[in-house]
Amino acid sequence: MCTCLPVSLYTYPMPDLYHSLLNFDLGHIKIIADLWGLELDSDDVDSAAQELCASLLDLETVTETIDILPAEARAALTALVESGGRLEWVVFAREYGEIREMGAGKRDRERPHLKPSSTAEILFYRGLLAKAFFDSPKGAQEFAYIPDDLLEIIKHEVHKVHKGGKEEPLGRPATPVEKMFEILASDRIIDDAATYLAALRVGKSDWQHLHWRAAQVSDLRLTVLLTTAGLIKKGAPQTEKVKSFLEASRADALKLLIEAWQSSQIFDELRLLPGILCEGEWKNQPLVTRGFLLNLINSIPQNKWWSLPAFLRAIKEKFPDYQRPAGDYDSWFIKRESDGQYLRGFAYWDSVDGALIKYFIQTLHWLGMADLASPEEGKEATAFRIVKSKVEGQRSKVEGKIVVSSNGKITISRMFSRAVRYQISRFCEWGDGLDTPFRGYSTPTDEYKYQVTAQSLTHAKEQGLKAEQLLSLLVKYTNSNVPPALVKALKRWEMHGSEARLESLFVLRVSSPEVMEEMRKSKAGKFLGELLSPTAVVVKSGAIQKVIAGLAELGLLAEVRMKNEE
């Protein structure tokens, strides 16, 4: 995939290169010749056009020119080739920019061919792109097109370079050291997605801090992916689409996420890249960049370990401007987050463009499309291997199991139905117990752990859920193997709500009932609560210092002991 532009349905012939050149003045034709490294002897438009055609319509010359084009220009050529050689101008310009209108005098003064403002201008001043009005089913419309005879020469070359069909893969196979410690891809992203969707549904904004894989799962990256997949909108889960996603087979769910990423205009790897901040109004083209990198990666043999450092070096040497319009390294304001250093200029290629390629391959791993490897555990990846998406548990039936304890602990296998786990999680605290963080799927058992509490049931009730619904789910998916004590607790809670309460209190203890009576009659008495015994009383929240002051006025010095003090 290299572009999202629609394929043209029009088959009318286009002007050839000679007749396209006749639309330009002599100065423009000489600009084209200059950019192709040619010198023209002719001094009139007709002769110059013929002379230029004789040189340009040559396979070797075209190949050399395409090889040195920036990545986005090759992508634009591919878009035109795949649409039969032309596209409506408004569609083409939306993706690849406009061509500034200027007369010969202004053009010769400003020399736009040396500082093109868009991908369209890069191609236009090389004679690879022209504009003209053609008839269409909608009437006369302006089109971007490649001259007809030039199209026949370049179309196979563009496919070869941009699709990687006959092109040798960049880089080299990984060495034994580079691939020593393997980190295999998986389909865990669909489990992360289910967990995140459940967290949004129950309002757990800190879900990733409760998750032991938080360092590997970017909240923002997952948010953007689920947004582009239509599963969330403005941060809120979309009920019907979420239901379909959770009930889909693991293979179909993963396919949905991968296809959403591949075609996404809003999933911008550069702006998601950890450690940098993008500032200003400049724009990059994530879809074009993604398509270009995918094409390079697709030329690498599948299931073969490939050196990541060598791959990066080869791209830097052959396609350094793969994401930069006209090789612009100055107008993009990118700042290193750690120290505020602006990363402008080609000198910072490794920190920005190189880092983006690494992040791109990590994203492939995240999506289950690539294995990673490093010299040893904990080190940065130095090799990758493109694989078919790894989907565990292909069968559509429910796998794994649910285990329910009498104390309200629920353990759910990772391979169990995501839809059922999503529903059960809405009734529970996420964790092994009240004071234990949610471990997600823990190594090596791959289990999610939840705890039924009065607080979690109260929260569920506020969302319109009933305890009897949780009981029905547990009965159904454990084959009625729910401990009687939990059945009783859920039924009683449904009828009576909370019947017991644990709370943390400060208690004032005095030496005798007489001291307690004196204290209760003093002005500090209003800060005392429930009497627990003749010599013990609850201190109201936030009133400890006032009670201490009141005792001091009675001639008593009090000491404060915290619960963990002996």
Protein backbone atom coordinates (compact mmCIF):
# COMPACT_ATOMS: atom_id res chain seq x y z
CA MET A 1 0.00 0.00 0.00
CA CYS A 2 1.39 3.38 -0.96
CA THR A 3 -1.57 5.72 -1.17
CA CYS A 4 -5.19 6.12 -0.28
CA LEU A 5 -6.08 7.96 -3.48
CA PRO A 6 -8.92 6.46 -5.52
CA VAL A 7 -8.21 4.63 -8.76
CA SER A 8 -9.26 6.57 -11.87
CA LEU A 9 -12.04 5.05 -13.95
CA TYR A 10 -11.33 7.16 -17.02
CA THR A 11 -9.55 5.60 -19.98
CA TYR A 12 -9.31 8.52 -22.44
CA PRO A 13 -5.78 8.97 -23.91
CA MET A 14 -3.63 11.74 -22.47
CA PRO A 15 -1.28 14.13 -24.26
CA ASP A 16 2.22 12.83 -24.87
CA LEU A 17 5.34 14.51 -23.51
CA TYR A 18 5.95 16.66 -26.60
CA HIS A 19 2.45 18.18 -26.63
CA SER A 20 2.58 18.65 -22.85
CA LEU A 21 5.84 20.59 -23.16
CA LEU A 22 4.34 22.90 -25.78
CA ASN A 23 2.21 24.40 -22.99
CA PHE A 24 5.34 25.85 -21.39
CA ASP A 25 7.64 28.70 -22.32
CA LEU A 26 11.28 28.16 -23.25
CA GLY A 27 12.48 29.07 -19.75
CA HIS A 28 10.29 26.38 -18.18
CA ILE A 29 11.52 23.75 -20.66
CA LYS A 30 15.12 24.66 -19.78
CA ILE A 31 14.33 24.27 -16.08
CA ILE A 32 13.12 20.72 -16.76
CA ALA A 33 16.28 19.98 -18.73
CA ASP A 34 18.43 21.37 -15.92
CA LEU A 35 16.80 19.14 -13.31
CA TRP A 36 17.43 16.12 -15.55
CA GLY A 37 21.08 17.16 -15.93
CA LEU A 38 20.68 18.05 -19.62
CA GLU A 39 21.75 21.02 -21.75
CA LEU A 40 19.54 22.23 -24.63
CA ASP A 41 20.88 23.83 -27.82
CA SER A 42 17.48 24.90 -29.16
CA ASP A 43 16.30 28.49 -28.79
CA ASP A 44 12.58 28.10 -29.55
CA VAL A 45 9.82 26.15 -27.76
CA ASP A 46 9.05 23.66 -30.53
CA SER A 47 12.67 22.64 -31.14
CA ALA A 48 13.45 22.58 -27.40
CA ALA A 49 10.43 20.33 -26.76
CA GLN A 50 11.55 17.88 -29.44
CA GLU A 51 15.14 17.91 -28.18
CA LEU A 52 14.06 17.34 -24.59
CA CYS A 53 11.72 14.48 -25.56
CA ALA A 54 14.54 12.69 -27.33
CA SER A 55 16.55 12.65 -24.10
CA LEU A 56 13.78 12.11 -21.56
CA LEU A 57 12.06 9.17 -23.23
CA ASP A 58 14.89 6.82 -22.30
CA LEU A 59 14.54 3.98 -19.76
CA GLU A 60 17.96 4.45 -18.16
CA THR A 61 17.51 8.22 -17.78
CA VAL A 62 14.05 7.79 -16.27
CA THR A 63 15.34 5.13 -13.85
CA GLU A 64 18.17 7.36 -12.64
CA THR A 65 15.79 10.29 -12.08
CA ILE A 66 13.22 8.22 -10.18
CA ASP A 67 15.96 6.76 -7.98
CA ILE A 68 16.93 10.19 -6.62
CA LEU A 69 13.39 11.49 -6.12
CA PRO A 70 12.23 12.08 -2.52
CA ALA A 71 9.99 9.32 -1.11
CA GLU A 72 6.80 11.37 -1.29
CA ALA A 73 7.43 12.17 -4.96
CA ARG A 74 7.81 8.47 -5.76
CA ALA A 75 4.59 7.86 -3.83
CA ALA A 76 2.78 10.49 -5.92
CA LEU A 77 4.08 8.93 -9.15
CA THR A 78 2.86 5.54 -7.94
CA ALA A 79 -0.56 7.01 -7.16
CA LEU A 80 -0.81 8.36 -10.71
CA VAL A 81 0.46 5.15 -12.30
CA GLU A 82 -2.01 3.04 -10.32
CA SER A 83 -4.87 5.31 -11.36
CA GLY A 84 -4.12 4.89 -15.05
CA GLY A 85 -1.86 7.92 -15.34
CA ARG A 86 -4.18 10.66 -14.15
CA LEU A 87 -6.29 11.85 -11.22
CA GLU A 88 -8.68 14.74 -10.68
CA TRP A 89 -6.50 17.67 -9.68
CA VAL A 90 -8.46 18.42 -6.53
CA VAL A 91 -7.92 14.85 -5.31
CA PHE A 92 -4.22 14.79 -6.21
CA ALA A 93 -3.53 18.22 -4.71
CA ARG A 94 -5.26 17.32 -1.45
CA GLU A 95 -2.61 14.64 -0.88
CA TYR A 96 0.45 16.10 -2.62
CA GLY A 97 -0.02 19.87 -2.61
CA GLU A 98 -0.63 22.65 -5.11
CA ILE A 99 1.59 24.25 -7.77
CA ARG A 100 2.06 27.96 -7.20
CA GLU A 101 0.81 30.12 -10.06
CA MET A 102 3.45 32.59 -11.29
CA GLY A 103 4.48 34.21 -14.51
CA ALA A 104 7.84 33.69 -16.25
CA GLY A 105 9.39 36.78 -14.64
CA LYS A 106 8.45 35.87 -11.09
CA ARG A 107 9.41 32.25 -11.70
CA ASP A 108 12.87 33.21 -12.91
CA ARG A 109 13.35 35.54 -9.93
CA GLU A 110 12.08 33.15 -7.22
CA ARG A 111 13.30 29.91 -8.85
CA PRO A 112 10.61 27.68 -7.29
CA HIS A 113 12.14 24.57 -8.86
CA LEU A 114 15.04 24.89 -6.41
CA LYS A 115 12.76 25.38 -3.40
CA PRO A 116 9.56 23.47 -4.22
CA SER A 117 6.72 24.06 -1.80
CA SER A 118 5.01 20.72 -2.44
CA THR A 119 5.43 17.25 -3.85
CA ALA A 120 3.42 18.38 -6.88
CA GLU A 121 6.01 21.07 -7.65
CA ILE A 122 8.87 18.55 -7.40
CA LEU A 123 7.27 16.49 -10.18
CA PHE A 124 5.96 19.46 -12.17
CA TYR A 125 9.36 21.11 -12.64
CA ARG A 126 10.84 17.78 -13.75
CA GLY A 127 8.20 17.32 -16.44
CA LEU A 128 6.89 14.17 -14.74
CA LEU A 129 3.58 15.85 -13.92
CA ALA A 130 1.32 18.06 -16.00
CA LYS A 131 -2.10 19.68 -15.58
CA ALA A 132 -4.89 19.86 -18.12
CA PHE A 133 -8.66 19.83 -18.49
CA PHE A 134 -10.19 16.59 -19.81
CA ASP A 135 -13.73 15.43 -20.42
CA SER A 136 -15.15 13.20 -17.71
CA PRO A 137 -18.57 11.86 -16.70
CA LYS A 138 -18.84 15.00 -14.55
CA GLY A 139 -18.00 17.28 -17.49
CA ALA A 140 -14.72 19.07 -18.16
CA GLN A 141 -12.44 18.80 -15.12
CA GLU A 142 -8.83 19.61 -14.36
CA PHE A 143 -6.56 16.60 -13.95
CA ALA A 144 -3.03 15.81 -12.84
CA TYR A 145 -1.43 13.44 -15.33
CA ILE A 146 1.78 11.84 -16.53
CA PRO A 147 2.36 12.38 -20.27
CA ASP A 148 1.23 9.26 -22.10
CA ASP A 149 4.52 8.11 -23.65
CA LEU A 150 6.45 8.88 -20.47
CA LEU A 151 3.88 6.90 -18.48
CA GLU A 152 4.60 3.76 -20.48
CA ILE A 153 8.30 4.03 -19.64
CA ILE A 154 8.05 4.83 -15.94
CA LYS A 155 5.14 2.73 -14.75
CA HIS A 156 7.07 -0.54 -14.42
CA GLU A 157 10.03 1.25 -12.89
CA VAL A 158 7.84 2.97 -10.30
CA HIS A 159 6.26 -0.34 -9.34
CA LYS A 160 9.67 -1.96 -9.07
CA VAL A 161 11.09 0.73 -6.81
CA HIS A 162 8.03 1.58 -4.76
CA LYS A 163 6.49 -1.86 -4.49
CA GLY A 164 9.77 -3.65 -3.96
CA GLY A 165 8.80 -6.22 -6.62
CA LYS A 166 12.23 -6.77 -8.21
CA GLU A 167 14.22 -4.53 -5.94
CA GLU A 168 16.78 -6.15 -3.66
CA PRO A 169 15.84 -5.67 0.01
CA LEU A 170 17.75 -2.94 1.80
CA GLY A 171 20.32 -4.01 4.38
CA ARG A 172 21.36 -7.58 5.14
CA PRO A 173 20.38 -10.66 7.16
CA ALA A 174 20.95 -10.42 10.91
CA THR A 175 24.09 -11.84 12.48
CA PRO A 176 23.84 -14.53 15.19
CA VAL A 177 24.61 -11.92 17.85
CA GLU A 178 21.97 -9.46 16.58
CA LYS A 179 19.24 -12.12 16.81
CA MET A 180 20.44 -13.82 19.99
CA PHE A 181 17.49 -12.98 22.28
CA GLU A 182 14.14 -13.32 20.52
CA ILE A 183 11.00 -11.36 21.43
CA LEU A 184 8.22 -13.06 19.52
CA ALA A 185 5.16 -11.22 18.25
CA SER A 186 1.71 -12.08 19.59
CA ASP A 187 -1.88 -10.95 19.31
CA ARG A 188 -1.95 -9.46 22.82
CA ILE A 189 -2.91 -6.09 21.37
CA ILE A 190 -6.51 -7.29 21.11
CA ASP A 191 -6.42 -8.13 24.83
CA ASP A 192 -4.94 -4.70 25.59
CA ALA A 193 -7.69 -3.15 23.47
CA ALA A 194 -10.41 -5.06 25.35
CA THR A 195 -8.91 -4.01 28.69
CA TYR A 196 -8.66 -0.38 27.62
CA LEU A 197 -12.22 -0.31 26.30
CA ALA A 198 -13.44 -1.75 29.60
CA ALA A 199 -11.39 0.85 31.50
CA LEU A 200 -13.00 3.66 29.51
CA ARG A 201 -16.43 2.14 30.13
CA VAL A 202 -16.02 2.03 33.91
CA GLY A 203 -14.04 5.26 34.17
CA LYS A 204 -10.63 3.84 35.12
CA SER A 205 -8.49 6.62 33.65
CA ASP A 206 -5.40 5.19 35.39
CA TRP A 207 -5.79 1.75 33.82
CA GLN A 208 -2.28 1.66 32.36
CA HIS A 209 -0.75 2.33 35.77
CA LEU A 210 -2.62 -0.71 37.09
CA HIS A 211 -1.30 -2.79 34.22
CA TRP A 212 2.05 -4.53 34.53
CA ARG A 213 2.79 -4.03 30.80
CA ALA A 214 2.22 -0.27 31.03
CA ALA A 215 5.74 0.47 29.85
CA GLN A 216 5.03 -1.42 26.63
CA VAL A 217 1.56 -0.03 25.99
CA SER A 218 1.16 3.63 25.08
CA ASP A 219 -2.19 5.01 26.19
CA LEU A 220 -2.13 7.63 23.41
CA ARG A 221 -1.07 5.16 20.71
CA LEU A 222 -3.87 2.77 21.66
CA THR A 223 -6.36 5.63 21.84
CA VAL A 224 -5.47 6.77 18.32
CA LEU A 225 -5.64 3.22 16.96
CA LEU A 226 -9.04 2.49 18.51
CA THR A 227 -10.30 5.88 17.34
CA THR A 228 -9.26 5.25 13.76
CA ALA A 229 -10.87 1.78 13.99
CA GLY A 230 -14.14 3.44 15.02
CA LEU A 231 -14.22 1.73 18.43
CA ILE A 232 -14.02 4.96 20.39
CA LYS A 233 -15.09 8.48 19.55
CA LYS A 234 -13.98 11.49 21.58
CA GLY A 235 -12.68 9.08 24.21
CA ALA A 236 -15.95 7.18 24.60
CA PRO A 237 -16.49 3.54 23.55
CA GLN A 238 -18.97 3.12 20.68
CA THR A 239 -21.30 0.43 22.04
CA GLU A 240 -22.28 -1.49 18.92
CA LYS A 241 -18.83 -1.44 17.33
CA VAL A 242 -17.19 -2.44 20.60
CA LYS A 243 -19.64 -5.33 20.93
CA SER A 244 -18.78 -6.57 17.42
CA PHE A 245 -15.05 -6.25 18.10
CA LEU A 246 -15.21 -8.15 21.39
CA GLU A 247 -17.35 -10.93 19.93
CA ALA A 248 -15.20 -11.32 16.79
CA SER A 249 -12.69 -14.15 16.48
CA ARG A 250 -9.17 -13.23 17.51
CA ALA A 251 -8.10 -13.36 13.84
CA ASP A 252 -10.85 -10.98 12.73
CA ALA A 253 -10.28 -8.62 15.67
CA LEU A 254 -6.57 -8.37 14.90
CA LYS A 255 -7.26 -7.90 11.20
CA LEU A 256 -9.58 -4.98 12.03
CA LEU A 257 -6.86 -3.21 14.03
CA ILE A 258 -4.14 -3.82 11.43
CA GLU A 259 -6.29 -2.57 8.55
CA ALA A 260 -7.32 0.49 10.56
CA TRP A 261 -3.65 1.30 11.19
CA GLN A 262 -2.61 0.75 7.58
CA SER A 263 -5.19 3.19 6.21
CA SER A 264 -5.22 5.70 9.05
CA GLN A 265 -4.66 9.39 8.35
CA ILE A 266 -4.61 10.24 12.08
CA PHE A 267 -2.19 7.56 13.33
CA ASP A 268 0.94 9.67 12.93
CA GLU A 269 3.98 7.64 13.98
CA LEU A 270 6.20 10.74 14.00
CA ARG A 271 4.01 12.62 16.47
CA LEU A 272 3.55 9.47 18.57
CA LEU A 273 7.30 8.85 18.71
CA PRO A 274 8.37 8.77 22.40
CA GLY A 275 10.94 11.31 23.52
CA ILE A 276 10.22 14.08 21.01
CA LEU A 277 7.72 16.93 20.80
CA CYS A 278 6.46 18.33 17.48
CA GLU A 279 5.69 22.05 17.52
CA GLY A 280 4.34 24.53 14.99
CA GLU A 281 1.94 24.40 12.05
CA TRP A 282 4.01 22.25 9.67
CA LYS A 283 2.48 19.04 8.39
CA ASN A 284 3.91 15.66 7.51
CA GLN A 285 2.24 12.84 5.56
CA PRO A 286 2.03 9.76 7.81
CA LEU A 287 0.01 7.72 5.32
CA VAL A 288 2.54 8.24 2.53
CA THR A 289 5.48 7.57 4.87
CA ARG A 290 3.82 4.42 6.21
CA GLY A 291 3.17 3.15 2.70
CA PHE A 292 6.76 3.77 1.65
CA LEU A 293 8.24 2.00 4.69
CA LEU A 294 5.85 -0.93 4.29
CA ASN A 295 6.94 -1.32 0.68
CA LEU A 296 10.60 -1.42 1.71
CA ILE A 297 9.84 -3.93 4.45
CA ASN A 298 7.71 -6.07 2.13
CA SER A 299 10.79 -6.64 -0.05
CA ILE A 300 12.50 -8.39 2.88
CA PRO A 301 12.02 -12.19 2.84
CA GLN A 302 9.31 -13.25 5.24
CA ASN A 303 10.35 -15.29 8.29
CA LYS A 304 14.00 -14.25 7.86
CA TRP A 305 15.84 -12.35 10.60
CA TRP A 306 17.01 -8.97 9.25
CA SER A 307 19.56 -6.56 10.72
CA LEU A 308 17.86 -3.41 12.01
CA PRO A 309 21.05 -1.25 12.12
CA ALA A 310 21.93 -2.26 8.53
CA PHE A 311 18.36 -1.55 7.39
CA LEU A 312 18.55 1.93 8.93
CA ARG A 313 21.93 2.66 7.33
CA ALA A 314 20.66 1.60 3.90
CA ILE A 315 17.61 3.86 4.13
CA LYS A 316 19.78 6.75 5.29
CA GLU A 317 22.08 6.25 2.31
CA LYS A 318 19.47 5.62 -0.39
CA PHE A 319 16.25 7.28 0.83
CA PRO A 320 17.25 9.78 3.55
CA ASP A 321 14.34 12.09 2.71
CA TYR A 322 11.71 9.33 2.87
CA GLN A 323 9.38 11.48 5.00
CA ARG A 324 10.66 14.99 4.20
CA PRO A 325 9.08 17.06 1.38
CA ALA A 326 11.92 18.31 -0.81
CA GLY A 327 14.47 17.22 1.79
CA ASP A 328 13.36 19.90 4.27
CA TYR A 329 15.14 19.44 7.62
CA ASP A 330 14.73 23.00 8.88
CA SER A 331 11.05 23.98 8.89
CA TRP A 332 9.91 21.04 11.03
CA PHE A 333 10.16 22.15 14.65
CA ILE A 334 10.92 18.96 16.58
CA LYS A 335 12.23 19.17 20.13
CA ARG A 336 13.87 16.51 22.29
CA GLU A 337 11.70 16.11 25.36
CA SER A 338 14.50 15.37 27.80
CA ASP A 339 16.44 18.62 27.40
CA GLY A 340 14.41 20.86 25.06
CA GLN A 341 17.03 20.65 22.28
CA TYR A 342 15.59 21.38 18.82
CA LEU A 343 16.45 18.61 16.37
CA ARG A 344 16.74 20.64 13.17
CA GLY A 345 18.97 19.78 10.25
CA PHE A 346 20.20 16.55 8.70
CA ALA A 347 22.66 16.13 11.60
CA TYR A 348 19.73 14.88 13.71
CA TRP A 349 18.55 12.29 11.15
CA ASP A 350 19.28 9.41 13.54
CA SER A 351 17.36 11.07 16.38
CA VAL A 352 14.25 11.75 14.28
CA ASP A 353 14.06 9.92 10.95
CA GLY A 354 16.09 6.93 12.10
CA ALA A 355 14.19 6.76 15.39
CA LEU A 356 10.93 6.83 13.47
CA ILE A 357 11.92 3.72 11.49
CA LYS A 358 12.73 1.90 14.73
CA TYR A 359 9.38 2.96 16.19
CA PHE A 360 7.65 1.85 12.99
CA ILE A 361 9.10 -1.64 13.32
CA GLN A 362 8.15 -1.70 17.01
CA THR A 363 4.62 -0.84 15.91
CA LEU A 364 4.67 -3.83 13.55
CA HIS A 365 5.68 -5.95 16.54
CA TRP A 366 2.88 -4.39 18.64
CA LEU A 367 0.42 -5.35 15.89
CA GLY A 368 1.71 -8.94 15.79
CA MET A 369 3.38 -8.53 12.37
CA ALA A 370 7.06 -8.72 13.31
CA ASP A 371 9.31 -10.54 15.77
CA LEU A 372 12.14 -8.60 17.40
CA ALA A 373 15.52 -9.72 18.68
CA SER A 374 18.44 -8.24 20.59
CA PRO A 375 21.92 -9.36 21.68
CA GLU A 376 20.61 -10.02 25.19
CA GLU A 377 17.52 -9.54 27.31
CA GLY A 378 16.71 -5.91 28.06
CA LYS A 379 18.83 -4.50 25.23
CA GLU A 380 17.51 -2.44 22.29
CA ALA A 381 16.25 -4.47 19.33
CA THR A 382 18.91 -5.11 16.67
CA ALA A 383 16.99 -7.50 14.41
CA PHE A 384 13.46 -8.03 13.17
CA ARG A 385 11.59 -10.72 11.29
CA ILE A 386 8.41 -10.13 9.28
CA VAL A 387 5.85 -12.84 10.01
CA LYS A 388 2.24 -13.52 9.26
CA SER A 389 0.07 -12.02 11.99
CA LYS A 390 0.26 -14.32 14.99
CA VAL A 391 -3.23 -15.12 16.18
CA GLU A 392 -3.56 -17.39 19.18
CA GLY A 393 -6.69 -19.44 19.64
CA GLN A 394 -8.06 -19.28 16.11
CA ARG A 395 -11.15 -21.28 17.01
CA SER A 396 -14.30 -19.25 17.58
CA LYS A 397 -15.45 -21.24 20.63
CA VAL A 398 -14.75 -19.97 24.15
CA GLU A 399 -11.30 -21.06 25.37
CA GLY A 400 -9.66 -20.82 28.76
CA LYS A 401 -11.70 -20.69 31.92
CA ILE A 402 -13.09 -18.61 34.78
CA VAL A 403 -12.30 -19.51 38.39
CA VAL A 404 -14.45 -17.96 41.13
CA SER A 405 -13.52 -18.06 44.82
CA SER A 406 -15.89 -17.84 47.77
CA ASN A 407 -14.23 -14.55 48.86
CA GLY A 408 -15.24 -12.87 45.58
CA LYS A 409 -11.96 -13.24 43.69
CA ILE A 410 -12.43 -13.97 39.97
CA THR A 411 -9.62 -15.21 37.73
CA ILE A 412 -10.13 -15.16 33.94
CA SER A 413 -7.77 -16.76 31.41
CA ARG A 414 -6.47 -14.44 28.70
CA MET A 415 -7.79 -16.74 25.99
CA PHE A 416 -11.31 -16.65 27.40
CA SER A 417 -14.04 -14.64 25.67
CA ARG A 418 -13.07 -10.96 25.64
CA ALA A 419 -16.74 -9.98 25.58
CA VAL A 420 -17.42 -11.90 28.80
CA ARG A 421 -14.32 -10.49 30.52
CA TYR A 422 -15.37 -6.99 29.46
CA GLN A 423 -18.80 -7.50 31.08
CA ILE A 424 -17.50 -9.06 34.29
CA SER A 425 -14.85 -6.36 34.74
CA ARG A 426 -17.58 -3.72 35.00
CA PHE A 427 -18.76 -5.28 38.30
CA CYS A 428 -15.34 -5.63 39.95
CA GLU A 429 -12.29 -4.01 41.38
CA TRP A 430 -9.33 -4.78 39.14
CA GLY A 431 -6.78 -6.75 41.14
CA ASP A 432 -5.99 -9.75 43.33
CA GLY A 433 -7.58 -8.03 46.29
CA LEU A 434 -8.44 -4.68 47.78
CA ASP A 435 -4.79 -3.63 48.19
CA THR A 436 -3.24 -5.44 45.23
CA PRO A 437 -2.75 -3.70 41.84
CA PHE A 438 -4.39 -5.14 38.75
CA ARG A 439 -1.78 -7.44 37.23
CA GLY A 440 -3.45 -7.88 33.88
CA TYR A 441 -2.18 -11.12 32.43
CA SER A 442 0.72 -12.25 34.57
CA THR A 443 3.59 -14.38 33.43
CA PRO A 444 3.36 -17.30 32.94
CA THR A 445 -0.30 -18.01 33.69
CA ASP A 446 -1.75 -15.24 31.49
CA GLU A 447 -4.63 -14.47 33.81
CA TYR A 448 -6.71 -11.42 34.65
CA LYS A 449 -7.72 -11.07 38.28
CA TYR A 450 -10.73 -9.20 39.67
CA GLN A 451 -12.39 -8.76 43.06
CA VAL A 452 -16.10 -8.32 43.80
CA THR A 453 -16.56 -5.66 46.50
CA ALA A 454 -19.41 -3.57 47.85
CA GLN A 455 -17.77 -0.50 46.26
CA SER A 456 -17.51 -2.15 42.84
CA LEU A 457 -21.14 -3.29 42.97
CA THR A 458 -22.21 0.21 43.99
CA HIS A 459 -20.29 1.65 41.04
CA ALA A 460 -21.89 -0.91 38.72
CA LYS A 461 -25.32 -0.02 40.07
CA GLU A 462 -24.67 3.63 39.23
CA GLN A 463 -24.16 2.48 35.63
CA GLY A 464 -27.49 0.66 35.61
CA LEU A 465 -26.08 -2.80 36.30
CA LYS A 466 -27.43 -5.29 38.83
CA ALA A 467 -25.64 -7.85 40.97
CA GLU A 468 -27.97 -10.54 39.64
CA GLN A 469 -26.53 -9.89 36.14
CA LEU A 470 -23.04 -10.65 37.41
CA LEU A 471 -24.33 -13.80 39.09
CA SER A 472 -25.98 -14.91 35.84
CA LEU A 473 -22.71 -14.38 33.93
CA LEU A 474 -20.71 -16.36 36.48
CA VAL A 475 -23.23 -19.20 36.59
CA LYS A 476 -23.33 -19.41 32.78
CA TYR A 477 -19.60 -19.33 32.12
CA THR A 478 -18.47 -21.51 35.05
CA ASN A 479 -21.08 -24.21 34.39
CA SER A 480 -22.83 -23.23 37.65
CA ASN A 481 -19.58 -23.62 39.60
CA VAL A 482 -20.06 -20.48 41.72
CA PRO A 483 -19.31 -20.90 45.46
CA PRO A 484 -22.54 -20.78 47.56
CA ALA A 485 -21.05 -18.07 49.80
CA LEU A 486 -20.62 -15.70 46.83
CA VAL A 487 -24.09 -16.56 45.49
CA LYS A 488 -25.53 -15.67 48.92
CA ALA A 489 -23.48 -12.46 49.13
CA LEU A 490 -24.59 -11.24 45.70
CA LYS A 491 -28.25 -12.00 46.39
CA ARG A 492 -28.14 -10.27 49.80
CA TRP A 493 -26.37 -7.25 48.32
CA GLU A 494 -29.06 -7.04 45.62
CA MET A 495 -31.74 -6.95 48.34
CA HIS A 496 -30.08 -4.95 51.12
CA GLY A 497 -26.99 -3.26 49.72
CA SER A 498 -23.96 -3.01 52.03
CA GLU A 499 -24.56 -4.72 55.39
CA ALA A 500 -21.04 -4.32 56.72
CA ARG A 501 -18.49 -1.55 56.55
CA LEU A 502 -14.78 -1.23 57.20
CA GLU A 503 -13.43 2.22 57.78
CA SER A 504 -10.29 3.90 59.07
CA LEU A 505 -10.91 6.02 62.18
CA PHE A 506 -9.00 8.00 64.78
CA VAL A 507 -9.98 6.95 68.30
CA LEU A 508 -9.44 8.99 71.45
CA ARG A 509 -8.66 6.80 74.47
CA VAL A 510 -8.49 8.35 77.96
CA SER A 511 -7.48 7.00 81.36
CA SER A 512 -10.91 7.09 83.03
CA PRO A 513 -14.64 7.68 82.37
CA GLU A 514 -14.39 10.91 84.35
CA VAL A 515 -11.81 12.34 81.94
CA MET A 516 -14.04 11.29 79.02
CA GLU A 517 -17.04 13.04 80.57
CA GLU A 518 -15.01 16.20 81.18
CA MET A 519 -13.76 16.13 77.59
CA ARG A 520 -17.24 15.71 76.13
CA LYS A 521 -18.51 18.73 78.11
CA SER A 522 -15.63 20.95 76.96
CA LYS A 523 -15.70 23.11 73.80
CA ALA A 524 -13.75 20.34 72.02
CA GLY A 525 -16.69 17.98 72.61
CA LYS A 526 -18.25 18.93 69.28
CA PHE A 527 -15.31 17.27 67.53
CA LEU A 528 -16.02 13.90 69.12
CA GLY A 529 -18.23 11.33 67.46
CA GLU A 530 -19.57 7.90 68.38
CA LEU A 531 -18.76 6.66 71.92
CA LEU A 532 -17.13 3.23 71.64
CA SER A 533 -16.65 2.60 75.40
CA PRO A 534 -16.55 4.62 78.62
CA THR A 535 -12.94 5.49 77.82
CA ALA A 536 -12.89 5.49 73.98
CA VAL A 537 -14.58 7.77 71.43
CA VAL A 538 -14.31 8.37 67.66
CA VAL A 539 -12.61 11.62 66.62
CA LYS A 540 -14.33 13.31 63.71
CA SER A 541 -12.42 13.57 60.44
CA GLY A 542 -9.88 16.41 60.32
CA ALA A 543 -10.30 17.32 64.01
CA ILE A 544 -7.26 15.67 65.60
CA GLN A 545 -5.39 18.92 66.31
CA LYS A 546 -8.50 20.55 67.77
CA VAL A 547 -9.02 17.62 70.13
CA ILE A 548 -5.35 17.72 71.19
CA ALA A 549 -5.74 21.45 71.90
CA GLY A 550 -8.91 20.80 73.91
CA LEU A 551 -7.13 18.17 76.04
CA ALA A 552 -4.25 20.60 76.65
CA GLU A 553 -6.73 23.15 78.02
CA LEU A 554 -7.85 20.48 80.48
CA GLY A 555 -4.25 19.96 81.54
CA LEU A 556 -3.79 16.74 79.59
CA LEU A 557 -1.00 16.13 77.06
CA ALA A 558 -2.03 13.60 74.40
CA GLU A 559 0.16 11.44 72.19
CA VAL A 560 -0.84 10.37 68.66
CA ARG A 561 -0.11 6.81 67.59
CA MET A 562 -0.51 5.72 63.98
CA LYS A 563 -1.79 2.22 63.24
CA ASN A 564 1.63 0.84 62.26
CA GLU A 565 3.34 2.12 65.41
CA GLU A 566 3.92 -0.19 68.31
